[in-house]
Amino acid sequence: MEEGPYKYIRDGNGKVSRVIRIGTRKSQLARIQTDSVAAKLKELYPDVHLEIVGMSTTGDKILDTALHNAACIYGPCSCLSHRVDLVVHSLKDLPTTLPPGFTIGAVLERENPHDAVVLHPKHVGKTLETLPENSVIGTSSLRRAAQLKKRFPQLEFKDIRGNLNTRLKKLDEKEDYAAIILAAAGLRRMGWDNRISQILGPEDCMYAVGQGALAVEVRARDADILEMVSVLHHPETVLRCIAERAFLRHLEGGCSVPVAVHTEVKDSQVRMLGSGRHTHKHKYTHAQIHSQEEVDEGVQRVGVTASKISGEAQNKAERLGVDLAKLLLSKGAKEILTVARQLNDAR
């Protein structure tokens, strides 16, 4: 039954419970990611009724539809029957500033954030370094191409489009590419670990901001939902991703601009390596994970609400990203990013 913007269900004993509706795109990877989050929520809240709502038409055409865009698809403030309460995203696809009224209520433990090399079957056993000269590598990412062109000048890099299934099919069924570069996290979630030929470390290719982490987007004023999903937060991942997103925001980079990062936690500190392109790479360290300060309620940092994690630690992580961005900008990264945007717009 419907009551206002919410949906309820009555069990056999007459008990009425709210149905939590989770929005998802219909791609195989999106559904796998959404199902994994739904399973975690069901394990934590066995009495909650979860309903997964496939986003179709406009939502499918927009390859990564944020909850605030879904609201537009299903109606303003989504008071229609297709209203969803939360949406699962790859964090790297979410902007660092969300529209008013929306927030990232959970950032789950990160899968391997690195990029992976997937070789054409005839090149099995090789690496980027041992592939024949002038081999063509497929990637749709300026970030990957910018770094790898410098690291492997003997190789050629060309665009390849489509979802994971489509790209792998293009690689395997034709001989246009010797290899393609994909996110290791997506391959692993699809169960395709056996296709990973090489994992690229930061000396070869740093990854995208938020890569490998799943995010749960909710309405900021939906306190019940925000509280429910907050238990999914993984503190170490949250702090790493806050630092990365603050770095990206300060550089004013979008997902199509080659901003790259590498973060790690060592001795309870977040350590960060970042570049506005491979030309500028610097390491910066602080942001302690453990803090005695009490948490603060209802405060967003680069779109993330994590009220159960120390506010002091989150502030330090955010400053870490901003400080590193300022350092790169002082060394000329702004001009490089401007050129990169112009090149991307011309594609």
C-alpha atoms as a PDB file:
ATOM      1  CA  MET A   1       0.000   0.000   0.000  1.00  0.00           C
ATOM      2  CA  GLU A   2       1.082   3.592  -0.594  1.00  0.00           C
ATOM      3  CA  GLU A   3       0.943   6.428   1.913  1.00  0.00           C
ATOM      4  CA  GLY A   4       2.348   9.716   0.689  1.00  0.00           C
ATOM      5  CA  PRO A   5       5.810   9.134  -0.770  1.00  0.00           C
ATOM      6  CA  TYR A   6       6.292   5.829   1.077  1.00  0.00           C
ATOM      7  CA  LYS A   7       5.244   2.252   0.467  1.00  0.00           C
ATOM      8  CA  TYR A   8       4.225  -0.161   3.218  1.00  0.00           C
ATOM      9  CA  ILE A   9       3.550  -3.899   3.455  1.00  0.00           C
ATOM     10  CA  ARG A  10       1.416  -5.877   5.888  1.00  0.00           C
ATOM     11  CA  ASP A  11       2.624  -9.322   6.949  1.00  0.00           C
ATOM     12  CA  GLY A  12       0.488 -12.323   7.864  1.00  0.00           C
ATOM     13  CA  ASN A  13       0.209 -11.136  11.466  1.00  0.00           C
ATOM     14  CA  GLY A  14      -1.127  -7.761  10.447  1.00  0.00           C
ATOM     15  CA  LYS A  15       2.161  -5.947  11.184  1.00  0.00           C
ATOM     16  CA  VAL A  16       2.774  -3.007   8.841  1.00  0.00           C
ATOM     17  CA  SER A  17       6.345  -2.255   7.779  1.00  0.00           C
ATOM     18  CA  ARG A  18       7.818   0.295   5.436  1.00  0.00           C
ATOM     19  CA  VAL A  19       9.284  -1.058   2.208  1.00  0.00           C
ATOM     20  CA  ILE A  20      12.788   0.239   1.446  1.00  0.00           C
ATOM     21  CA  ARG A  21      13.158   0.704  -2.293  1.00  0.00           C
ATOM     22  CA  ILE A  22      16.615   0.520  -3.794  1.00  0.00           C
ATOM     23  CA  GLY A  23      17.137   2.012  -7.235  1.00  0.00           C
ATOM     24  CA  THR A  24      19.510   0.400  -9.719  1.00  0.00           C
ATOM     25  CA  ARG A  25      20.377   0.533 -13.376  1.00  0.00           C
ATOM     26  CA  LYS A  26      19.735  -2.656 -15.290  1.00  0.00           C
ATOM     27  CA  SER A  27      23.298  -3.443 -16.321  1.00  0.00           C
ATOM     28  CA  GLN A  28      24.736  -6.682 -14.980  1.00  0.00           C
ATOM     29  CA  LEU A  29      27.443  -4.974 -12.924  1.00  0.00           C
ATOM     30  CA  ALA A  30      25.043  -2.387 -11.462  1.00  0.00           C
ATOM     31  CA  ARG A  31      22.669  -5.147 -10.413  1.00  0.00           C
ATOM     32  CA  ILE A  32      25.463  -7.210  -8.854  1.00  0.00           C
ATOM     33  CA  GLN A  33      26.613  -4.177  -6.851  1.00  0.00           C
ATOM     34  CA  THR A  34      23.082  -3.331  -5.749  1.00  0.00           C
ATOM     35  CA  ASP A  35      22.335  -6.934  -4.782  1.00  0.00           C
ATOM     36  CA  SER A  36      25.498  -7.056  -2.662  1.00  0.00           C
ATOM     37  CA  VAL A  37      24.429  -3.977  -0.694  1.00  0.00           C
ATOM     38  CA  ALA A  38      20.863  -5.270  -0.342  1.00  0.00           C
ATOM     39  CA  ALA A  39      22.226  -8.556   1.036  1.00  0.00           C
ATOM     40  CA  LYS A  40      24.277  -6.699   3.659  1.00  0.00           C
ATOM     41  CA  LEU A  41      21.246  -4.643   4.693  1.00  0.00           C
ATOM     42  CA  LYS A  42      19.046  -7.750   4.888  1.00  0.00           C
ATOM     43  CA  GLU A  43      21.638  -9.470   7.078  1.00  0.00           C
ATOM     44  CA  LEU A  44      21.756  -6.479   9.423  1.00  0.00           C
ATOM     45  CA  TYR A  45      18.010  -5.810   9.353  1.00  0.00           C
ATOM     46  CA  PRO A  46      16.231  -9.139   8.715  1.00  0.00           C
ATOM     47  CA  ASP A  47      12.787  -7.649   9.364  1.00  0.00           C
ATOM     48  CA  VAL A  48      13.155  -4.911   6.764  1.00  0.00           C
ATOM     49  CA  HIS A  49      11.396  -5.384   3.432  1.00  0.00           C
ATOM     50  CA  LEU A  50      13.676  -4.469   0.536  1.00  0.00           C
ATOM     51  CA  GLU A  51      12.510  -3.928  -3.023  1.00  0.00           C
ATOM     52  CA  ILE A  52      14.921  -3.377  -5.895  1.00  0.00           C
ATOM     53  CA  VAL A  53      13.601  -1.003  -8.542  1.00  0.00           C
ATOM     54  CA  GLY A  54      15.156  -1.108 -11.995  1.00  0.00           C
ATOM     55  CA  MET A  55      15.676   2.321 -13.518  1.00  0.00           C
ATOM     56  CA  SER A  56      14.651   2.242 -17.151  1.00  0.00           C
ATOM     57  CA  THR A  57      14.234   4.548 -20.163  1.00  0.00           C
ATOM     58  CA  THR A  58      15.996   7.828 -19.406  1.00  0.00           C
ATOM     59  CA  GLY A  59      17.898   6.307 -16.489  1.00  0.00           C
ATOM     60  CA  ASP A  60      19.371   3.613 -18.687  1.00  0.00           C
ATOM     61  CA  LYS A  61      20.404   6.123 -21.321  1.00  0.00           C
ATOM     62  CA  ILE A  62      22.261   8.081 -18.666  1.00  0.00           C
ATOM     63  CA  LEU A  63      24.878   5.446 -17.909  1.00  0.00           C
ATOM     64  CA  ASP A  64      25.371   6.477 -14.296  1.00  0.00           C
ATOM     65  CA  THR A  65      22.174   7.942 -12.885  1.00  0.00           C
ATOM     66  CA  ALA A  66      22.447   9.610  -9.507  1.00  0.00           C
ATOM     67  CA  LEU A  67      19.511   9.573  -7.100  1.00  0.00           C
ATOM     68  CA  HIS A  68      18.917  13.290  -7.671  1.00  0.00           C
ATOM     69  CA  ASN A  69      18.587  12.547 -11.402  1.00  0.00           C
ATOM     70  CA  ALA A  70      16.348   9.580 -10.666  1.00  0.00           C
ATOM     71  CA  ALA A  71      14.043  11.966  -8.829  1.00  0.00           C
ATOM     72  CA  CYS A  72      13.705  13.935 -12.040  1.00  0.00           C
ATOM     73  CA  ILE A  73      13.034  10.740 -13.998  1.00  0.00           C
ATOM     74  CA  TYR A  74      10.324   9.559 -11.644  1.00  0.00           C
ATOM     75  CA  GLY A  75       8.932  12.980 -10.787  1.00  0.00           C
ATOM     76  CA  PRO A  76       9.958  16.014  -8.642  1.00  0.00           C
ATOM     77  CA  CYS A  77      10.831  14.810  -5.130  1.00  0.00           C
ATOM     78  CA  SER A  78       9.663  11.505  -6.579  1.00  0.00           C
ATOM     79  CA  CYS A  79       6.251  11.235  -4.978  1.00  0.00           C
ATOM     80  CA  LEU A  80       5.268   8.671  -7.615  1.00  0.00           C
ATOM     81  CA  SER A  81       4.971   4.933  -7.069  1.00  0.00           C
ATOM     82  CA  HIS A  82       8.487   4.421  -8.427  1.00  0.00           C
ATOM     83  CA  ARG A  83      10.067   6.563  -5.718  1.00  0.00           C
ATOM     84  CA  VAL A  84      13.300   5.039  -4.455  1.00  0.00           C
ATOM     85  CA  ASP A  85      14.825   5.510  -1.010  1.00  0.00           C
ATOM     86  CA  LEU A  86      18.438   4.890  -1.923  1.00  0.00           C
ATOM     87  CA  VAL A  87      20.654   4.158  -4.917  1.00  0.00           C
ATOM     88  CA  VAL A  88      23.891   2.161  -5.026  1.00  0.00           C
ATOM     89  CA  HIS A  89      26.672   3.704  -7.112  1.00  0.00           C
ATOM     90  CA  SER A  90      30.293   3.245  -7.916  1.00  0.00           C
ATOM     91  CA  LEU A  91      31.646   6.136  -5.844  1.00  0.00           C
ATOM     92  CA  LYS A  92      33.886   7.293  -8.693  1.00  0.00           C
ATOM     93  CA  ASP A  93      30.750   8.156 -10.705  1.00  0.00           C
ATOM     94  CA  LEU A  94      29.314  10.552  -8.105  1.00  0.00           C
ATOM     95  CA  PRO A  95      30.193  14.275  -8.215  1.00  0.00           C
ATOM     96  CA  THR A  96      32.063  15.748  -5.275  1.00  0.00           C
ATOM     97  CA  THR A  97      29.201  18.186  -4.698  1.00  0.00           C
ATOM     98  CA  LEU A  98      25.713  16.704  -4.635  1.00  0.00           C
ATOM     99  CA  PRO A  99      22.580  18.807  -5.126  1.00  0.00           C
ATOM    100  CA  PRO A 100      20.897  20.108  -1.970  1.00  0.00           C
ATOM    101  CA  GLY A 101      18.865  17.451  -0.234  1.00  0.00           C
ATOM    102  CA  PHE A 102      21.038  14.488  -1.194  1.00  0.00           C
ATOM    103  CA  THR A 103      24.024  12.863   0.458  1.00  0.00           C
ATOM    104  CA  ILE A 104      26.210   9.781   0.399  1.00  0.00           C
ATOM    105  CA  GLY A 105      25.016   7.885   3.444  1.00  0.00           C
ATOM    106  CA  ALA A 106      27.466   4.997   3.224  1.00  0.00           C
ATOM    107  CA  VAL A 107      30.821   4.208   1.646  1.00  0.00           C
ATOM    108  CA  LEU A 108      31.461   0.473   1.808  1.00  0.00           C
ATOM    109  CA  GLU A 109      34.775  -1.308   2.207  1.00  0.00           C
ATOM    110  CA  ARG A 110      36.803  -0.793  -0.904  1.00  0.00           C
ATOM    111  CA  GLU A 111      37.511  -3.509  -3.428  1.00  0.00           C
ATOM    112  CA  ASN A 112      40.950  -3.392  -5.107  1.00  0.00           C
ATOM    113  CA  PRO A 113      40.982   0.167  -6.553  1.00  0.00           C
ATOM    114  CA  HIS A 114      43.740  -0.407  -9.101  1.00  0.00           C
ATOM    115  CA  ASP A 115      43.418  -0.708 -12.857  1.00  0.00           C
ATOM    116  CA  ALA A 116      43.915  -4.068 -14.514  1.00  0.00           C
ATOM    117  CA  VAL A 117      45.290  -5.200 -17.870  1.00  0.00           C
ATOM    118  CA  VAL A 118      43.127  -7.671 -19.785  1.00  0.00           C
ATOM    119  CA  LEU A 119      45.035  -9.245 -22.667  1.00  0.00           C
ATOM    120  CA  HIS A 120      43.807 -10.535 -25.999  1.00  0.00           C
ATOM    121  CA  PRO A 121      43.930 -14.365 -25.820  1.00  0.00           C
ATOM    122  CA  LYS A 122      46.884 -14.512 -28.224  1.00  0.00           C
ATOM    123  CA  HIS A 123      48.984 -12.421 -25.831  1.00  0.00           C
ATOM    124  CA  VAL A 124      48.315 -14.407 -22.656  1.00  0.00           C
ATOM    125  CA  GLY A 125      51.354 -14.415 -20.389  1.00  0.00           C
ATOM    126  CA  LYS A 126      52.616 -11.017 -21.496  1.00  0.00           C
ATOM    127  CA  THR A 127      52.547  -7.656 -19.703  1.00  0.00           C
ATOM    128  CA  LEU A 128      52.332  -4.098 -21.020  1.00  0.00           C
ATOM    129  CA  GLU A 129      56.111  -4.027 -20.902  1.00  0.00           C
ATOM    130  CA  THR A 130      56.559  -7.190 -22.971  1.00  0.00           C
ATOM    131  CA  LEU A 131      53.856  -6.619 -25.599  1.00  0.00           C
ATOM    132  CA  PRO A 132      55.160  -6.036 -29.143  1.00  0.00           C
ATOM    133  CA  GLU A 133      56.017  -2.455 -30.061  1.00  0.00           C
ATOM    134  CA  ASN A 134      53.068  -0.411 -31.401  1.00  0.00           C
ATOM    135  CA  SER A 135      50.541  -2.774 -29.806  1.00  0.00           C
ATOM    136  CA  VAL A 136      47.160  -1.055 -29.442  1.00  0.00           C
ATOM    137  CA  ILE A 137      45.742  -0.747 -25.924  1.00  0.00           C
ATOM    138  CA  GLY A 138      42.074   0.100 -25.494  1.00  0.00           C
ATOM    139  CA  THR A 139      40.891   2.561 -22.871  1.00  0.00           C
ATOM    140  CA  SER A 140      38.193   5.234 -22.766  1.00  0.00           C
ATOM    141  CA  SER A 141      39.907   6.992 -19.859  1.00  0.00           C
ATOM    142  CA  LEU A 142      42.053  10.071 -20.358  1.00  0.00           C
ATOM    143  CA  ARG A 143      43.525   9.450 -16.919  1.00  0.00           C
ATOM    144  CA  ARG A 144      44.756   5.999 -17.877  1.00  0.00           C
ATOM    145  CA  ALA A 145      45.966   7.034 -21.332  1.00  0.00           C
ATOM    146  CA  ALA A 146      47.833  10.088 -20.009  1.00  0.00           C
ATOM    147  CA  GLN A 147      49.796   8.048 -17.487  1.00  0.00           C
ATOM    148  CA  LEU A 148      50.370   4.922 -19.559  1.00  0.00           C
ATOM    149  CA  LYS A 149      51.528   6.815 -22.664  1.00  0.00           C
ATOM    150  CA  LYS A 150      54.357   8.244 -20.618  1.00  0.00           C
ATOM    151  CA  ARG A 151      55.156   4.956 -18.876  1.00  0.00           C
ATOM    152  CA  PHE A 152      54.949   2.823 -22.053  1.00  0.00           C
ATOM    153  CA  PRO A 153      55.781   5.099 -25.017  1.00  0.00           C
ATOM    154  CA  GLN A 154      56.207   2.103 -27.324  1.00  0.00           C
ATOM    155  CA  LEU A 155      52.470   1.328 -27.126  1.00  0.00           C
ATOM    156  CA  GLU A 156      49.501   3.004 -28.810  1.00  0.00           C
ATOM    157  CA  PHE A 157      46.338   3.896 -26.935  1.00  0.00           C
ATOM    158  CA  LYS A 158      42.899   4.102 -28.528  1.00  0.00           C
ATOM    159  CA  ASP A 159      39.347   4.610 -27.301  1.00  0.00           C
ATOM    160  CA  ILE A 160      37.130   1.651 -26.549  1.00  0.00           C
ATOM    161  CA  ARG A 161      33.523   2.180 -25.488  1.00  0.00           C
ATOM    162  CA  GLY A 162      30.739   0.178 -23.897  1.00  0.00           C
ATOM    163  CA  ASN A 163      30.112  -1.697 -20.667  1.00  0.00           C
ATOM    164  CA  LEU A 164      32.410  -4.439 -19.375  1.00  0.00           C
ATOM    165  CA  ASN A 165      30.732  -7.161 -21.407  1.00  0.00           C
ATOM    166  CA  THR A 166      30.905  -5.114 -24.604  1.00  0.00           C
ATOM    167  CA  ARG A 167      34.562  -4.181 -24.168  1.00  0.00           C
ATOM    168  CA  LEU A 168      35.624  -7.754 -23.468  1.00  0.00           C
ATOM    169  CA  LYS A 169      33.713  -8.917 -26.542  1.00  0.00           C
ATOM    170  CA  LYS A 170      35.449  -6.288 -28.695  1.00  0.00           C
ATOM    171  CA  LEU A 171      38.810  -7.435 -27.331  1.00  0.00           C
ATOM    172  CA  ASP A 172      38.249 -11.169 -27.784  1.00  0.00           C
ATOM    173  CA  GLU A 173      36.354 -11.329 -31.075  1.00  0.00           C
ATOM    174  CA  LYS A 174      38.502  -8.928 -33.079  1.00  0.00           C
ATOM    175  CA  GLU A 175      42.192  -8.140 -33.286  1.00  0.00           C
ATOM    176  CA  ASP A 176      41.883  -4.368 -32.962  1.00  0.00           C
ATOM    177  CA  TYR A 177      43.395  -4.385 -29.471  1.00  0.00           C
ATOM    178  CA  ALA A 178      46.276  -6.282 -27.887  1.00  0.00           C
ATOM    179  CA  ALA A 179      44.832  -5.466 -24.465  1.00  0.00           C
ATOM    180  CA  ILE A 180      42.333  -3.256 -22.702  1.00  0.00           C
ATOM    181  CA  ILE A 181      42.534  -1.483 -19.352  1.00  0.00           C
ATOM    182  CA  LEU A 182      39.645  -1.908 -16.922  1.00  0.00           C
ATOM    183  CA  ALA A 183      39.025  -1.371 -13.223  1.00  0.00           C
ATOM    184  CA  ALA A 184      40.011  -4.485 -11.278  1.00  0.00           C
ATOM    185  CA  ALA A 185      37.040  -3.984  -8.946  1.00  0.00           C
ATOM    186  CA  GLY A 186      34.462  -4.329 -11.707  1.00  0.00           C
ATOM    187  CA  LEU A 187      36.094  -7.448 -13.086  1.00  0.00           C
ATOM    188  CA  ARG A 188      36.185  -9.050  -9.654  1.00  0.00           C
ATOM    189  CA  ARG A 189      32.571  -8.205  -8.878  1.00  0.00           C
ATOM    190  CA  MET A 190      31.569  -9.806 -12.165  1.00  0.00           C
ATOM    191  CA  GLY A 191      33.522 -12.937 -11.213  1.00  0.00           C
ATOM    192  CA  TRP A 192      36.058 -12.458 -13.986  1.00  0.00           C
ATOM    193  CA  ASP A 193      39.233 -12.544 -11.892  1.00  0.00           C
ATOM    194  CA  ASN A 194      40.724 -15.005 -14.377  1.00  0.00           C
ATOM    195  CA  ARG A 195      40.776 -12.299 -17.058  1.00  0.00           C
ATOM    196  CA  ILE A 196      43.097 -10.074 -15.021  1.00  0.00           C
ATOM    197  CA  SER A 197      46.587 -10.430 -16.518  1.00  0.00           C
ATOM    198  CA  GLN A 198      48.294  -7.609 -14.642  1.00  0.00           C
ATOM    199  CA  ILE A 199      47.431  -5.193 -11.829  1.00  0.00           C
ATOM    200  CA  LEU A 200      48.854  -1.714 -12.393  1.00  0.00           C
ATOM    201  CA  GLY A 201      50.564  -0.190  -9.361  1.00  0.00           C
ATOM    202  CA  PRO A 202      50.917   3.561  -8.743  1.00  0.00           C
ATOM    203  CA  GLU A 203      54.290   3.632 -10.515  1.00  0.00           C
ATOM    204  CA  ASP A 204      52.442   2.678 -13.724  1.00  0.00           C
ATOM    205  CA  CYS A 205      48.955   4.118 -13.338  1.00  0.00           C
ATOM    206  CA  MET A 206      47.260   5.711 -10.360  1.00  0.00           C
ATOM    207  CA  TYR A 207      43.528   5.151 -10.112  1.00  0.00           C
ATOM    208  CA  ALA A 208      40.450   7.376 -10.283  1.00  0.00           C
ATOM    209  CA  VAL A 209      39.072   9.136  -7.215  1.00  0.00           C
ATOM    210  CA  GLY A 210      36.817   6.739  -5.320  1.00  0.00           C
ATOM    211  CA  GLN A 211      37.569   3.821  -7.644  1.00  0.00           C
ATOM    212  CA  GLY A 212      36.695   0.425  -6.185  1.00  0.00           C
ATOM    213  CA  ALA A 213      34.330   1.798  -3.514  1.00  0.00           C
ATOM    214  CA  LEU A 214      30.544   1.506  -3.524  1.00  0.00           C
ATOM    215  CA  ALA A 215      28.454   4.419  -2.274  1.00  0.00           C
ATOM    216  CA  VAL A 216      24.853   4.538  -1.095  1.00  0.00           C
ATOM    217  CA  GLU A 217      23.120   7.793  -1.996  1.00  0.00           C
ATOM    218  CA  VAL A 218      20.106   8.816   0.093  1.00  0.00           C
ATOM    219  CA  ARG A 219      17.979  11.853   0.808  1.00  0.00           C
ATOM    220  CA  ALA A 220      19.698  13.904   3.487  1.00  0.00           C
ATOM    221  CA  ARG A 221      16.463  14.486   5.422  1.00  0.00           C
ATOM    222  CA  ASP A 222      15.415  10.845   5.403  1.00  0.00           C
ATOM    223  CA  ALA A 223      16.821  10.253   8.884  1.00  0.00           C
ATOM    224  CA  ASP A 224      15.622   6.657   9.195  1.00  0.00           C
ATOM    225  CA  ILE A 225      17.250   5.583   5.938  1.00  0.00           C
ATOM    226  CA  LEU A 226      20.410   7.567   6.689  1.00  0.00           C
ATOM    227  CA  GLU A 227      20.717   5.875  10.071  1.00  0.00           C
ATOM    228  CA  MET A 228      20.033   2.451   8.584  1.00  0.00           C
ATOM    229  CA  VAL A 229      22.705   2.637   5.858  1.00  0.00           C
ATOM    230  CA  SER A 230      25.300   4.379   8.062  1.00  0.00           C
ATOM    231  CA  VAL A 231      26.323   1.036   9.569  1.00  0.00           C
ATOM    232  CA  LEU A 232      27.703   0.083   6.144  1.00  0.00           C
ATOM    233  CA  HIS A 233      30.406   2.758   6.365  1.00  0.00           C
ATOM    234  CA  HIS A 234      33.967   1.385   6.364  1.00  0.00           C
ATOM    235  CA  PRO A 235      35.990   4.003   8.309  1.00  0.00           C
ATOM    236  CA  GLU A 236      39.304   3.505   6.519  1.00  0.00           C
ATOM    237  CA  THR A 237      37.649   3.634   3.095  1.00  0.00           C
ATOM    238  CA  VAL A 238      35.598   6.692   4.106  1.00  0.00           C
ATOM    239  CA  LEU A 239      38.672   8.671   5.118  1.00  0.00           C
ATOM    240  CA  ARG A 240      40.680   7.668   2.052  1.00  0.00           C
ATOM    241  CA  CYS A 241      37.800   8.629  -0.217  1.00  0.00           C
ATOM    242  CA  ILE A 242      37.123  11.934   1.552  1.00  0.00           C
ATOM    243  CA  ALA A 243      40.780  12.856   0.967  1.00  0.00           C
ATOM    244  CA  GLU A 244      40.540  11.821  -2.687  1.00  0.00           C
ATOM    245  CA  ARG A 245      37.254  13.638  -3.318  1.00  0.00           C
ATOM    246  CA  ALA A 246      38.557  16.800  -1.630  1.00  0.00           C
ATOM    247  CA  PHE A 247      41.620  16.604  -3.895  1.00  0.00           C
ATOM    248  CA  LEU A 248      39.410  16.272  -6.974  1.00  0.00           C
ATOM    249  CA  ARG A 249      37.026  19.034  -5.926  1.00  0.00           C
ATOM    250  CA  HIS A 250      39.853  21.504  -5.307  1.00  0.00           C
ATOM    251  CA  LEU A 251      41.378  20.706  -8.686  1.00  0.00           C
ATOM    252  CA  GLU A 252      37.921  21.180 -10.212  1.00  0.00           C
ATOM    253  CA  GLY A 253      38.296  17.944 -12.119  1.00  0.00           C
ATOM    254  CA  GLY A 254      35.418  15.897 -13.488  1.00  0.00           C
ATOM    255  CA  CYS A 255      35.285  12.179 -14.184  1.00  0.00           C
ATOM    256  CA  SER A 256      36.517  12.848 -17.750  1.00  0.00           C
ATOM    257  CA  VAL A 257      39.600  14.801 -16.660  1.00  0.00           C
ATOM    258  CA  PRO A 258      42.811  12.844 -15.901  1.00  0.00           C
ATOM    259  CA  VAL A 259      42.990  13.363 -12.133  1.00  0.00           C
ATOM    260  CA  ALA A 260      44.636  10.359 -10.512  1.00  0.00           C
ATOM    261  CA  VAL A 261      45.311   9.294  -6.936  1.00  0.00           C
ATOM    262  CA  HIS A 262      46.754   6.585  -4.759  1.00  0.00           C
ATOM    263  CA  THR A 263      45.940   6.421  -1.059  1.00  0.00           C
ATOM    264  CA  GLU A 264      46.925   4.004   1.646  1.00  0.00           C
ATOM    265  CA  VAL A 265      46.721   3.725   5.408  1.00  0.00           C
ATOM    266  CA  LYS A 266      49.934   3.199   7.307  1.00  0.00           C
ATOM    267  CA  ASP A 267      50.509   3.646  11.042  1.00  0.00           C
ATOM    268  CA  SER A 268      46.932   4.936  11.426  1.00  0.00           C
ATOM    269  CA  GLN A 269      47.556   7.704   8.904  1.00  0.00           C
ATOM    270  CA  VAL A 270      46.159   8.279   5.436  1.00  0.00           C
ATOM    271  CA  ARG A 271      48.953   8.706   2.916  1.00  0.00           C
ATOM    272  CA  MET A 272      48.133  10.136  -0.468  1.00  0.00           C
ATOM    273  CA  LEU A 273      49.800  10.328  -3.844  1.00  0.00           C
ATOM    274  CA  GLY A 274      48.070  12.475  -6.431  1.00  0.00           C
ATOM    275  CA  SER A 275      48.515  13.976  -9.846  1.00  0.00           C
ATOM    276  CA  GLY A 276      46.697  16.363 -12.135  1.00  0.00           C
ATOM    277  CA  ARG A 277      48.421  14.431 -14.859  1.00  0.00           C
ATOM    278  CA  HIS A 278      51.463  12.166 -14.680  1.00  0.00           C
ATOM    279  CA  THR A 279      53.676  15.239 -15.018  1.00  0.00           C
ATOM    280  CA  HIS A 280      52.899  16.236 -11.434  1.00  0.00           C
ATOM    281  CA  LYS A 281      53.020  13.570  -8.777  1.00  0.00           C
ATOM    282  CA  HIS A 282      53.490  14.288  -5.101  1.00  0.00           C
ATOM    283  CA  LYS A 283      53.039  12.483  -1.823  1.00  0.00           C
ATOM    284  CA  TYR A 284      51.424  14.034   1.202  1.00  0.00           C
ATOM    285  CA  THR A 285      50.778  12.483   4.599  1.00  0.00           C
ATOM    286  CA  HIS A 286      48.503  13.165   7.539  1.00  0.00           C
ATOM    287  CA  ALA A 287      44.876  12.574   8.534  1.00  0.00           C
ATOM    288  CA  GLN A 288      44.947  10.232  11.506  1.00  0.00           C
ATOM    289  CA  ILE A 289      42.257   7.570  11.435  1.00  0.00           C
ATOM    290  CA  HIS A 290      41.924   7.196  15.175  1.00  0.00           C
ATOM    291  CA  SER A 291      40.775  10.214  17.138  1.00  0.00           C
ATOM    292  CA  GLN A 292      39.321  10.715  20.604  1.00  0.00           C
ATOM    293  CA  GLU A 293      37.064  13.558  19.487  1.00  0.00           C
ATOM    294  CA  GLU A 294      33.342  12.871  19.518  1.00  0.00           C
ATOM    295  CA  VAL A 295      31.597  12.406  16.214  1.00  0.00           C
ATOM    296  CA  ASP A 296      29.506  15.228  14.792  1.00  0.00           C
ATOM    297  CA  GLU A 297      25.992  14.752  13.477  1.00  0.00           C
ATOM    298  CA  GLY A 298      24.614  15.797  10.088  1.00  0.00           C
ATOM    299  CA  VAL A 299      27.792  17.253   8.590  1.00  0.00           C
ATOM    300  CA  GLN A 300      28.636  16.524   4.960  1.00  0.00           C
ATOM    301  CA  ARG A 301      32.187  16.465   3.653  1.00  0.00           C
ATOM    302  CA  VAL A 302      32.562  16.359  -0.124  1.00  0.00           C
ATOM    303  CA  GLY A 303      29.075  14.886  -0.304  1.00  0.00           C
ATOM    304  CA  VAL A 304      29.628  12.225   2.377  1.00  0.00           C
ATOM    305  CA  THR A 305      27.702  12.050   5.665  1.00  0.00           C
ATOM    306  CA  ALA A 306      29.498   9.805   8.164  1.00  0.00           C
ATOM    307  CA  SER A 307      28.172  10.810  11.573  1.00  0.00           C
ATOM    308  CA  LYS A 308      29.612   7.754  13.337  1.00  0.00           C
ATOM    309  CA  ILE A 309      33.190   8.513  12.296  1.00  0.00           C
ATOM    310  CA  SER A 310      35.328  11.083  14.103  1.00  0.00           C
ATOM    311  CA  GLY A 311      34.750  14.585  12.753  1.00  0.00           C
ATOM    312  CA  GLU A 312      38.365  15.461  13.476  1.00  0.00           C
ATOM    313  CA  ALA A 313      39.605  12.538  11.383  1.00  0.00           C
ATOM    314  CA  GLN A 314      37.276  13.493   8.529  1.00  0.00           C
ATOM    315  CA  ASN A 315      38.437  17.109   8.654  1.00  0.00           C
ATOM    316  CA  LYS A 316      42.067  16.016   8.501  1.00  0.00           C
ATOM    317  CA  ALA A 317      41.352  13.746   5.548  1.00  0.00           C
ATOM    318  CA  GLU A 318      39.622  16.586   3.725  1.00  0.00           C
ATOM    319  CA  ARG A 319      42.515  18.955   4.430  1.00  0.00           C
ATOM    320  CA  LEU A 320      44.935  16.327   3.170  1.00  0.00           C
ATOM    321  CA  GLY A 321      43.244  16.316  -0.226  1.00  0.00           C
ATOM    322  CA  VAL A 322      42.973  20.094  -0.403  1.00  0.00           C
ATOM    323  CA  ASP A 323      46.611  20.618   0.614  1.00  0.00           C
ATOM    324  CA  LEU A 324      47.872  18.215  -2.034  1.00  0.00           C
ATOM    325  CA  ALA A 325      45.682  19.859  -4.677  1.00  0.00           C
ATOM    326  CA  LYS A 326      47.051  23.286  -3.726  1.00  0.00           C
ATOM    327  CA  LEU A 327      50.582  21.943  -4.040  1.00  0.00           C
ATOM    328  CA  LEU A 328      49.911  20.612  -7.537  1.00  0.00           C
ATOM    329  CA  LEU A 329      48.156  23.804  -8.625  1.00  0.00           C
ATOM    330  CA  SER A 330      51.168  25.812  -7.484  1.00  0.00           C
ATOM    331  CA  LYS A 331      53.289  23.664  -9.796  1.00  0.00           C
ATOM    332  CA  GLY A 332      51.217  24.216 -12.911  1.00  0.00           C
ATOM    333  CA  ALA A 333      48.541  21.531 -12.769  1.00  0.00           C
ATOM    334  CA  LYS A 334      45.772  24.049 -13.512  1.00  0.00           C
ATOM    335  CA  GLU A 335      47.052  24.753 -17.006  1.00  0.00           C
ATOM    336  CA  ILE A 336      47.438  21.037 -17.764  1.00  0.00           C
ATOM    337  CA  LEU A 337      43.901  20.293 -16.595  1.00  0.00           C
ATOM    338  CA  THR A 338      42.513  23.130 -18.711  1.00  0.00           C
ATOM    339  CA  VAL A 339      44.155  21.684 -21.816  1.00  0.00           C
ATOM    340  CA  ALA A 340      42.905  18.201 -20.873  1.00  0.00           C
ATOM    341  CA  ARG A 341      39.321  19.490 -20.633  1.00  0.00           C
ATOM    342  CA  GLN A 342      39.607  21.152 -24.020  1.00  0.00           C
ATOM    343  CA  LEU A 343      40.948  17.927 -25.561  1.00  0.00           C
ATOM    344  CA  ASN A 344      38.139  15.938 -23.971  1.00  0.00           C
ATOM    345  CA  ASP A 345      35.476  18.365 -25.209  1.00  0.00           C
ATOM    346  CA  ALA A 346      36.847  17.998 -28.724  1.00  0.00           C
ATOM    347  CA  ARG A 347      36.568  14.192 -28.684  1.00  0.00           C
END
